[in-house]
N, C-alpha and C. Protein backbone atom coordinates (compact mmCIF):
# COMPACT_ATOMS: atom_id res chain seq x y z
N MET A 1 26.65 -28.02 -12.87
CA MET A 1 26.22 -29.37 -12.63
C MET A 1 25.30 -29.85 -13.75
N HIS A 2 24.81 -28.94 -14.60
CA HIS A 2 23.92 -29.38 -15.67
C HIS A 2 24.66 -30.25 -16.69
N PHE A 3 26.00 -30.19 -16.66
CA PHE A 3 26.81 -31.03 -17.56
C PHE A 3 26.60 -32.51 -17.24
N SER A 4 26.53 -32.82 -15.93
CA SER A 4 26.31 -34.22 -15.52
C SER A 4 24.94 -34.71 -15.96
N LEU A 5 23.93 -33.83 -15.88
CA LEU A 5 22.58 -34.21 -16.32
C LEU A 5 22.58 -34.51 -17.82
N LYS A 6 23.36 -33.72 -18.55
CA LYS A 6 23.45 -33.94 -20.00
C LYS A 6 24.09 -35.30 -20.31
N LEU A 7 25.14 -35.64 -19.55
CA LEU A 7 25.81 -36.93 -19.76
C LEU A 7 24.90 -38.10 -19.42
N ILE A 8 24.14 -37.98 -18.32
CA ILE A 8 23.20 -39.04 -17.93
C ILE A 8 22.13 -39.16 -19.02
N GLY A 9 21.70 -38.02 -19.54
CA GLY A 9 20.69 -38.03 -20.60
C GLY A 9 21.18 -38.71 -21.87
N GLU A 10 22.49 -38.67 -22.11
CA GLU A 10 23.06 -39.32 -23.29
C GLU A 10 23.18 -40.83 -23.10
N GLY A 11 22.89 -41.34 -21.91
CA GLY A 11 22.93 -42.79 -21.69
C GLY A 11 24.15 -43.27 -20.93
N LYS A 12 24.98 -42.38 -20.41
CA LYS A 12 26.16 -42.79 -19.65
C LYS A 12 25.72 -43.19 -18.23
N SER A 13 26.50 -44.10 -17.64
CA SER A 13 26.18 -44.56 -16.28
C SER A 13 26.75 -43.58 -15.26
N TYR A 14 26.34 -43.78 -14.00
CA TYR A 14 26.82 -42.93 -12.92
C TYR A 14 28.34 -43.02 -12.81
N LYS A 15 28.88 -44.25 -12.94
CA LYS A 15 30.32 -44.47 -12.82
C LYS A 15 31.08 -43.72 -13.91
N GLU A 16 30.55 -43.72 -15.13
CA GLU A 16 31.23 -43.03 -16.24
C GLU A 16 31.20 -41.52 -16.01
N VAL A 17 30.04 -41.01 -15.56
CA VAL A 17 29.91 -39.57 -15.30
C VAL A 17 30.82 -39.18 -14.14
N GLN A 18 30.93 -40.08 -13.15
CA GLN A 18 31.79 -39.84 -11.99
C GLN A 18 33.24 -39.63 -12.42
N LYS A 19 33.71 -40.48 -13.31
CA LYS A 19 35.09 -40.39 -13.78
C LYS A 19 35.31 -39.12 -14.61
N ILE A 20 34.33 -38.76 -15.45
CA ILE A 20 34.49 -37.58 -16.32
C ILE A 20 34.50 -36.30 -15.48
N ILE A 21 33.55 -36.16 -14.56
CA ILE A 21 33.42 -34.91 -13.79
C ILE A 21 34.35 -34.91 -12.58
N GLY A 22 34.52 -36.03 -11.96
CA GLY A 22 35.38 -36.10 -10.77
C GLY A 22 34.61 -35.80 -9.50
N CYS A 23 33.41 -36.34 -9.37
CA CYS A 23 32.61 -36.16 -8.16
C CYS A 23 31.96 -37.48 -7.79
N SER A 24 31.28 -37.50 -6.62
CA SER A 24 30.69 -38.75 -6.13
C SER A 24 29.39 -39.07 -6.85
N ALA A 25 28.98 -40.34 -6.76
CA ALA A 25 27.72 -40.79 -7.37
C ALA A 25 26.54 -40.15 -6.65
N LYS A 26 26.68 -39.92 -5.33
CA LYS A 26 25.60 -39.30 -4.55
C LYS A 26 25.34 -37.87 -5.04
N MET A 27 26.40 -37.15 -5.38
CA MET A 27 26.26 -35.79 -5.88
C MET A 27 25.52 -35.79 -7.21
N ILE A 28 25.79 -36.76 -8.03
CA ILE A 28 25.10 -36.87 -9.33
C ILE A 28 23.62 -37.19 -9.13
N SER A 29 23.33 -38.12 -8.21
CA SER A 29 21.93 -38.47 -7.96
C SER A 29 21.17 -37.28 -7.36
N ASN A 30 21.84 -36.52 -6.48
CA ASN A 30 21.21 -35.31 -5.92
C ASN A 30 20.92 -34.28 -7.01
N ALA A 31 21.85 -34.15 -7.94
CA ALA A 31 21.66 -33.19 -9.04
C ALA A 31 20.48 -33.59 -9.91
N LEU A 32 20.27 -34.89 -10.09
CA LEU A 32 19.13 -35.36 -10.89
C LEU A 32 17.79 -35.11 -10.17
N LYS A 33 17.80 -35.25 -8.83
CA LYS A 33 16.58 -35.08 -8.05
C LYS A 33 16.22 -33.60 -7.85
N TRP A 34 17.24 -32.75 -7.92
CA TRP A 34 17.02 -31.34 -7.59
C TRP A 34 16.17 -30.66 -8.65
N ARG A 35 15.19 -29.89 -8.17
CA ARG A 35 14.37 -29.05 -9.05
C ARG A 35 14.24 -27.68 -8.40
N ALA A 36 14.25 -26.66 -9.20
CA ALA A 36 14.07 -25.31 -8.65
C ALA A 36 12.64 -25.17 -8.14
N LYS A 37 12.52 -24.79 -6.87
CA LYS A 37 11.20 -24.63 -6.26
C LYS A 37 10.90 -23.15 -6.12
N PRO A 38 9.66 -22.78 -6.29
CA PRO A 38 9.33 -21.35 -6.12
C PRO A 38 9.50 -20.95 -4.66
N GLU A 39 9.86 -19.71 -4.46
CA GLU A 39 10.09 -19.21 -3.11
C GLU A 39 8.77 -19.09 -2.37
N THR A 40 8.60 -19.84 -1.31
CA THR A 40 7.38 -19.75 -0.50
C THR A 40 7.80 -19.62 0.96
N ARG A 41 7.78 -18.40 1.42
CA ARG A 41 8.10 -18.16 2.83
C ARG A 41 6.88 -17.55 3.48
N GLY A 42 6.64 -17.90 4.69
CA GLY A 42 5.53 -17.33 5.41
C GLY A 42 4.22 -18.04 5.10
N ARG A 43 3.17 -17.48 5.65
CA ARG A 43 1.86 -18.08 5.52
C ARG A 43 1.27 -17.76 4.16
N LYS A 44 0.46 -18.64 3.65
CA LYS A 44 -0.20 -18.44 2.38
C LYS A 44 -1.26 -17.35 2.53
N TRP A 45 -1.40 -16.48 1.55
CA TRP A 45 -2.38 -15.39 1.61
C TRP A 45 -3.79 -15.94 1.50
N LYS A 46 -4.70 -15.34 2.27
CA LYS A 46 -6.10 -15.76 2.22
C LYS A 46 -6.85 -15.06 1.09
N THR A 47 -6.30 -13.94 0.61
CA THR A 47 -6.97 -13.21 -0.47
C THR A 47 -6.27 -13.48 -1.79
N THR A 48 -7.05 -13.42 -2.85
CA THR A 48 -6.49 -13.58 -4.18
C THR A 48 -6.16 -12.19 -4.74
N ILE A 49 -5.50 -12.16 -5.87
CA ILE A 49 -5.17 -10.89 -6.51
C ILE A 49 -6.45 -10.17 -6.90
N LYS A 50 -7.43 -10.90 -7.33
CA LYS A 50 -8.72 -10.33 -7.72
C LYS A 50 -9.41 -9.67 -6.52
N MET A 51 -9.38 -10.35 -5.36
CA MET A 51 -9.96 -9.78 -4.14
C MET A 51 -9.24 -8.50 -3.76
N ASP A 52 -7.91 -8.52 -3.85
CA ASP A 52 -7.12 -7.33 -3.51
C ASP A 52 -7.50 -6.15 -4.38
N ARG A 53 -7.68 -6.41 -5.68
CA ARG A 53 -8.08 -5.33 -6.60
C ARG A 53 -9.45 -4.78 -6.25
N ARG A 54 -10.38 -5.68 -5.88
CA ARG A 54 -11.72 -5.24 -5.51
C ARG A 54 -11.70 -4.39 -4.24
N ILE A 55 -10.85 -4.77 -3.28
CA ILE A 55 -10.71 -4.01 -2.04
C ILE A 55 -10.20 -2.61 -2.34
N THR A 56 -9.12 -2.52 -3.12
CA THR A 56 -8.55 -1.20 -3.42
C THR A 56 -9.50 -0.36 -4.26
N ARG A 57 -10.20 -0.98 -5.20
CA ARG A 57 -11.14 -0.24 -6.03
C ARG A 57 -12.25 0.38 -5.18
N MET A 58 -12.76 -0.40 -4.22
CA MET A 58 -13.83 0.11 -3.37
C MET A 58 -13.33 1.23 -2.47
N ALA A 59 -12.11 1.10 -1.94
CA ALA A 59 -11.54 2.13 -1.06
C ALA A 59 -11.27 3.41 -1.83
N LYS A 60 -10.88 3.30 -3.10
CA LYS A 60 -10.65 4.50 -3.90
C LYS A 60 -11.96 5.18 -4.28
N ALA A 61 -12.99 4.39 -4.51
CA ALA A 61 -14.29 4.96 -4.86
C ALA A 61 -14.94 5.65 -3.67
N GLN A 62 -14.74 5.09 -2.47
CA GLN A 62 -15.33 5.66 -1.25
C GLN A 62 -14.21 5.82 -0.22
N PRO A 63 -13.49 6.94 -0.23
CA PRO A 63 -12.30 7.09 0.62
C PRO A 63 -12.55 6.97 2.12
N MET A 64 -13.75 7.27 2.59
CA MET A 64 -14.01 7.24 4.04
C MET A 64 -14.69 5.95 4.50
N ILE A 65 -14.70 4.93 3.68
CA ILE A 65 -15.35 3.66 4.05
C ILE A 65 -14.45 2.89 5.01
N SER A 66 -15.05 2.18 5.95
CA SER A 66 -14.27 1.42 6.93
C SER A 66 -13.92 0.04 6.38
N SER A 67 -12.93 -0.58 7.00
CA SER A 67 -12.51 -1.91 6.55
C SER A 67 -13.62 -2.94 6.79
N ARG A 68 -14.39 -2.75 7.85
CA ARG A 68 -15.50 -3.67 8.12
C ARG A 68 -16.57 -3.55 7.03
N MET A 69 -16.85 -2.33 6.58
CA MET A 69 -17.85 -2.16 5.53
C MET A 69 -17.37 -2.76 4.21
N ILE A 70 -16.07 -2.62 3.94
CA ILE A 70 -15.51 -3.23 2.72
C ILE A 70 -15.65 -4.75 2.80
N LYS A 71 -15.27 -5.30 3.94
CA LYS A 71 -15.34 -6.76 4.14
C LYS A 71 -16.77 -7.26 3.98
N ASP A 72 -17.73 -6.56 4.60
CA ASP A 72 -19.12 -7.00 4.56
C ASP A 72 -19.74 -6.84 3.16
N SER A 73 -19.45 -5.72 2.51
CA SER A 73 -20.07 -5.50 1.20
C SER A 73 -19.51 -6.40 0.11
N LEU A 74 -18.21 -6.74 0.21
CA LEU A 74 -17.61 -7.64 -0.78
C LEU A 74 -17.74 -9.10 -0.37
N GLU A 75 -18.26 -9.34 0.85
CA GLU A 75 -18.43 -10.68 1.39
C GLU A 75 -17.12 -11.47 1.35
N LEU A 76 -16.09 -10.87 1.94
CA LEU A 76 -14.77 -11.48 1.94
C LEU A 76 -14.61 -12.46 3.11
N PRO A 77 -13.93 -13.59 2.88
CA PRO A 77 -13.74 -14.57 3.95
C PRO A 77 -12.51 -14.28 4.81
N VAL A 78 -12.19 -13.00 5.01
CA VAL A 78 -11.00 -12.62 5.77
C VAL A 78 -11.40 -11.63 6.87
N SER A 79 -10.46 -11.35 7.76
CA SER A 79 -10.73 -10.41 8.84
C SER A 79 -10.56 -8.98 8.36
N THR A 80 -11.04 -8.04 9.17
CA THR A 80 -10.90 -6.62 8.83
C THR A 80 -9.44 -6.19 8.87
N VAL A 81 -8.65 -6.85 9.70
CA VAL A 81 -7.21 -6.54 9.77
C VAL A 81 -6.54 -6.87 8.43
N THR A 82 -6.94 -7.98 7.83
CA THR A 82 -6.39 -8.35 6.52
C THR A 82 -6.78 -7.32 5.47
N VAL A 83 -8.01 -6.84 5.53
CA VAL A 83 -8.46 -5.81 4.58
C VAL A 83 -7.61 -4.56 4.74
N ARG A 84 -7.37 -4.15 6.00
CA ARG A 84 -6.53 -2.97 6.24
C ARG A 84 -5.11 -3.20 5.75
N ARG A 85 -4.60 -4.42 5.92
CA ARG A 85 -3.25 -4.75 5.46
C ARG A 85 -3.16 -4.63 3.93
N ARG A 86 -4.18 -5.12 3.23
CA ARG A 86 -4.18 -5.02 1.76
C ARG A 86 -4.27 -3.57 1.31
N LEU A 87 -5.01 -2.76 2.05
CA LEU A 87 -5.11 -1.34 1.71
C LEU A 87 -3.77 -0.63 1.93
N CYS A 88 -3.08 -0.99 2.99
CA CYS A 88 -1.75 -0.40 3.25
C CYS A 88 -0.76 -0.80 2.16
N GLU A 89 -0.85 -2.04 1.69
CA GLU A 89 0.04 -2.49 0.61
C GLU A 89 -0.24 -1.75 -0.69
N ALA A 90 -1.49 -1.28 -0.85
CA ALA A 90 -1.86 -0.50 -2.04
C ALA A 90 -1.66 1.00 -1.81
N ASN A 91 -0.93 1.36 -0.73
CA ASN A 91 -0.68 2.76 -0.35
C ASN A 91 -1.96 3.54 -0.10
N LEU A 92 -2.95 2.89 0.46
CA LEU A 92 -4.19 3.55 0.87
C LEU A 92 -4.27 3.42 2.39
N PHE A 93 -3.72 4.40 3.07
CA PHE A 93 -3.63 4.34 4.52
C PHE A 93 -4.90 4.89 5.17
N THR A 94 -4.99 4.72 6.49
CA THR A 94 -6.20 5.11 7.21
C THR A 94 -6.43 6.60 7.12
N ARG A 95 -7.70 6.96 7.06
CA ARG A 95 -8.08 8.37 7.02
C ARG A 95 -9.10 8.60 8.12
N ILE A 96 -8.94 9.69 8.83
CA ILE A 96 -9.91 10.08 9.85
C ILE A 96 -10.44 11.45 9.46
N PRO A 97 -11.75 11.59 9.32
CA PRO A 97 -12.28 12.90 8.93
C PRO A 97 -11.93 13.95 9.99
N ARG A 98 -11.55 15.13 9.52
CA ARG A 98 -11.21 16.20 10.43
C ARG A 98 -12.46 16.69 11.13
N LYS A 99 -12.34 16.92 12.44
CA LYS A 99 -13.48 17.41 13.20
C LYS A 99 -13.53 18.92 13.10
N VAL A 100 -14.61 19.43 12.60
CA VAL A 100 -14.79 20.88 12.46
C VAL A 100 -16.15 21.24 13.07
N PRO A 101 -16.25 22.44 13.58
CA PRO A 101 -17.56 22.82 14.11
C PRO A 101 -18.58 22.93 12.98
N LEU A 102 -19.79 22.54 13.28
CA LEU A 102 -20.84 22.61 12.28
C LEU A 102 -21.25 24.06 12.05
N LEU A 103 -21.56 24.40 10.81
CA LEU A 103 -22.02 25.75 10.50
C LEU A 103 -23.50 25.86 10.85
N LYS A 104 -23.81 26.90 11.58
CA LYS A 104 -25.20 27.17 11.90
C LYS A 104 -25.80 27.99 10.76
N LYS A 105 -27.12 28.12 10.73
CA LYS A 105 -27.78 28.90 9.68
C LYS A 105 -27.27 30.33 9.68
N ARG A 106 -27.04 30.86 10.88
CA ARG A 106 -26.55 32.24 11.00
C ARG A 106 -25.18 32.40 10.33
N HIS A 107 -24.30 31.38 10.52
CA HIS A 107 -22.97 31.42 9.92
C HIS A 107 -23.06 31.40 8.39
N VAL A 108 -23.91 30.53 7.87
CA VAL A 108 -24.08 30.42 6.42
C VAL A 108 -24.58 31.74 5.86
N GLN A 109 -25.55 32.36 6.54
CA GLN A 109 -26.10 33.64 6.07
C GLN A 109 -25.04 34.72 6.08
N LYS A 110 -24.24 34.78 7.14
CA LYS A 110 -23.17 35.80 7.24
C LYS A 110 -22.14 35.61 6.13
N ARG A 111 -21.76 34.37 5.87
CA ARG A 111 -20.79 34.10 4.80
C ARG A 111 -21.34 34.52 3.45
N LEU A 112 -22.61 34.18 3.21
CA LEU A 112 -23.25 34.53 1.95
C LEU A 112 -23.35 36.03 1.79
N GLN A 113 -23.71 36.72 2.88
CA GLN A 113 -23.81 38.17 2.85
C GLN A 113 -22.45 38.79 2.54
N PHE A 114 -21.39 38.29 3.20
CA PHE A 114 -20.04 38.80 2.96
C PHE A 114 -19.63 38.59 1.50
N ALA A 115 -19.92 37.40 0.98
CA ALA A 115 -19.55 37.09 -0.40
C ALA A 115 -20.27 38.01 -1.38
N LYS A 116 -21.55 38.27 -1.13
CA LYS A 116 -22.32 39.16 -2.02
C LYS A 116 -21.82 40.60 -1.96
N GLU A 117 -21.44 41.05 -0.76
CA GLU A 117 -20.94 42.42 -0.61
C GLU A 117 -19.59 42.62 -1.30
N HIS A 118 -18.76 41.58 -1.32
CA HIS A 118 -17.39 41.72 -1.82
C HIS A 118 -17.15 40.99 -3.14
N ILE A 119 -18.20 40.75 -3.87
CA ILE A 119 -18.05 40.00 -5.12
C ILE A 119 -17.26 40.78 -6.18
N ASN A 120 -17.33 42.09 -6.13
CA ASN A 120 -16.66 42.91 -7.14
C ASN A 120 -15.34 43.50 -6.65
N TRP A 121 -14.82 43.03 -5.55
CA TRP A 121 -13.54 43.54 -5.05
C TRP A 121 -12.43 43.17 -6.01
N PRO A 122 -11.49 44.09 -6.28
CA PRO A 122 -10.34 43.72 -7.12
C PRO A 122 -9.38 42.82 -6.32
N LEU A 123 -8.58 42.07 -7.02
CA LEU A 123 -7.68 41.11 -6.38
C LEU A 123 -6.72 41.77 -5.40
N GLN A 124 -6.23 42.97 -5.71
CA GLN A 124 -5.25 43.65 -4.86
C GLN A 124 -5.83 43.98 -3.49
N SER A 125 -7.12 44.21 -3.39
CA SER A 125 -7.68 44.59 -2.09
C SER A 125 -7.84 43.40 -1.15
N TRP A 126 -7.63 42.18 -1.62
CA TRP A 126 -7.72 41.00 -0.74
C TRP A 126 -6.42 40.75 0.00
N PHE A 127 -5.30 41.37 -0.43
CA PHE A 127 -4.00 41.12 0.20
C PHE A 127 -3.58 42.31 1.04
N ARG A 128 -3.02 42.02 2.20
CA ARG A 128 -2.63 43.09 3.10
C ARG A 128 -1.26 43.65 2.73
N TRP A 129 -0.30 42.78 2.43
CA TRP A 129 1.04 43.20 2.06
C TRP A 129 1.31 42.85 0.60
N PRO A 130 2.16 43.64 -0.04
CA PRO A 130 2.59 43.18 -1.37
C PRO A 130 3.51 41.97 -1.22
N PRO A 131 3.45 41.01 -2.13
CA PRO A 131 4.25 39.79 -1.99
C PRO A 131 5.76 40.01 -2.01
N GLU A 132 6.24 41.20 -2.45
CA GLU A 132 7.68 41.41 -2.54
C GLU A 132 8.32 41.60 -1.16
N GLN A 133 7.55 42.07 -0.16
CA GLN A 133 8.13 42.31 1.15
C GLN A 133 8.53 40.97 1.79
N PRO A 134 9.73 40.93 2.41
CA PRO A 134 10.24 39.64 2.90
C PRO A 134 9.44 39.01 4.03
N HIS A 135 8.72 39.80 4.84
CA HIS A 135 8.01 39.22 5.97
C HIS A 135 6.53 39.06 5.72
N SER A 136 6.11 39.17 4.48
CA SER A 136 4.69 38.99 4.19
C SER A 136 4.35 37.51 4.18
N PRO A 137 3.12 37.16 4.53
CA PRO A 137 2.74 35.74 4.52
C PRO A 137 2.87 35.10 3.15
N LEU A 138 2.65 35.89 2.10
CA LEU A 138 2.76 35.32 0.75
C LEU A 138 4.20 34.95 0.44
N HIS A 139 5.13 35.73 0.99
CA HIS A 139 6.54 35.42 0.78
C HIS A 139 6.94 34.15 1.52
N LEU A 140 6.30 33.89 2.65
CA LEU A 140 6.60 32.71 3.46
C LEU A 140 5.82 31.49 3.03
N GLY A 141 5.06 31.56 1.93
CA GLY A 141 4.30 30.41 1.46
C GLY A 141 2.94 30.30 2.11
N GLN A 142 2.42 31.44 2.60
CA GLN A 142 1.11 31.43 3.22
C GLN A 142 0.18 32.34 2.44
N SER A 143 -1.09 32.10 2.59
CA SER A 143 -2.06 32.98 1.96
C SER A 143 -2.61 33.93 3.02
N ALA A 144 -2.97 35.12 2.62
CA ALA A 144 -3.51 36.08 3.56
C ALA A 144 -4.72 36.76 2.94
N LEU A 145 -5.76 36.90 3.71
CA LEU A 145 -6.96 37.60 3.27
C LEU A 145 -7.26 38.69 4.28
N GLN A 146 -7.76 39.81 3.81
CA GLN A 146 -8.18 40.84 4.74
C GLN A 146 -9.57 41.29 4.35
N PHE A 147 -10.32 41.66 5.32
CA PHE A 147 -11.62 42.21 5.05
C PHE A 147 -12.00 43.12 6.20
N PRO A 148 -12.83 44.13 5.95
CA PRO A 148 -13.19 45.07 7.02
C PRO A 148 -14.09 44.40 8.04
N LEU A 149 -13.84 44.68 9.33
CA LEU A 149 -14.71 44.14 10.37
C LEU A 149 -16.07 44.81 10.31
N LYS A 150 -16.11 46.08 10.65
CA LYS A 150 -17.33 46.87 10.54
C LYS A 150 -16.92 48.29 10.23
N GLU A 151 -17.79 49.00 9.60
CA GLU A 151 -17.47 50.39 9.22
C GLU A 151 -17.27 51.26 10.45
N SER A 152 -17.91 50.95 11.55
CA SER A 152 -17.85 51.79 12.75
C SER A 152 -16.53 51.64 13.51
N ARG A 153 -15.73 50.68 13.23
CA ARG A 153 -14.49 50.42 13.98
C ARG A 153 -13.26 50.99 13.28
N ASN A 154 -13.29 52.18 12.86
CA ASN A 154 -12.15 52.86 12.23
C ASN A 154 -11.63 52.12 11.00
N LYS A 155 -12.49 51.43 10.36
CA LYS A 155 -12.12 50.66 9.16
C LYS A 155 -10.90 49.76 9.42
N SER A 156 -10.85 49.17 10.62
CA SER A 156 -9.74 48.27 10.93
C SER A 156 -9.86 47.00 10.10
N MET A 157 -8.73 46.41 9.83
CA MET A 157 -8.69 45.23 8.97
C MET A 157 -8.30 44.02 9.80
N VAL A 158 -8.86 42.88 9.46
CA VAL A 158 -8.53 41.63 10.13
C VAL A 158 -7.78 40.76 9.13
N LEU A 159 -6.75 40.10 9.59
CA LEU A 159 -5.94 39.25 8.71
C LEU A 159 -6.24 37.79 9.02
N LEU A 160 -6.63 37.04 7.99
CA LEU A 160 -6.82 35.60 8.12
C LEU A 160 -5.65 34.94 7.44
N GLN A 161 -4.92 34.11 8.16
CA GLN A 161 -3.76 33.45 7.57
C GLN A 161 -3.97 31.96 7.51
N GLY A 162 -3.39 31.35 6.50
CA GLY A 162 -3.40 29.90 6.35
C GLY A 162 -2.27 29.51 5.43
N THR A 163 -1.88 28.27 5.46
CA THR A 163 -0.80 27.83 4.58
C THR A 163 -1.37 27.45 3.23
N CYS A 164 -0.58 27.66 2.22
CA CYS A 164 -1.01 27.33 0.86
C CYS A 164 -0.88 25.87 0.61
């Protein structure tokens, strides 16, 4: 249809363009009025690109910060839901700190004592099975540690397992 616009631009009338192209005058007038419009679907965003960057930067700097704290500290004119939505769009999803029992002073002392006693252990003495055996935790992608419980218990060994 840009051909008709070119003909009109050269000074030809609608009737002349109609005869050359073989279409109605209304179609030519519509083609002249038509302009490509940017795609705008949905509601307009309340945040700017700059605000979005500031939100993501703050969340990356402080991973456990809440959306309300981000909103309040940046003084954003949006809701906390919008802040969470922007974080999800930046692939920064919600995080909940894992609940673990608190270490008591006694626990810290025992761990420190164990570490001091076994600081010179060779690497081989930390593993219960050699990794070549098919049913060992190391073969299954797990780590295994062993350490003596107490000398009085027949030197029995305890196995601590976890995934790598």
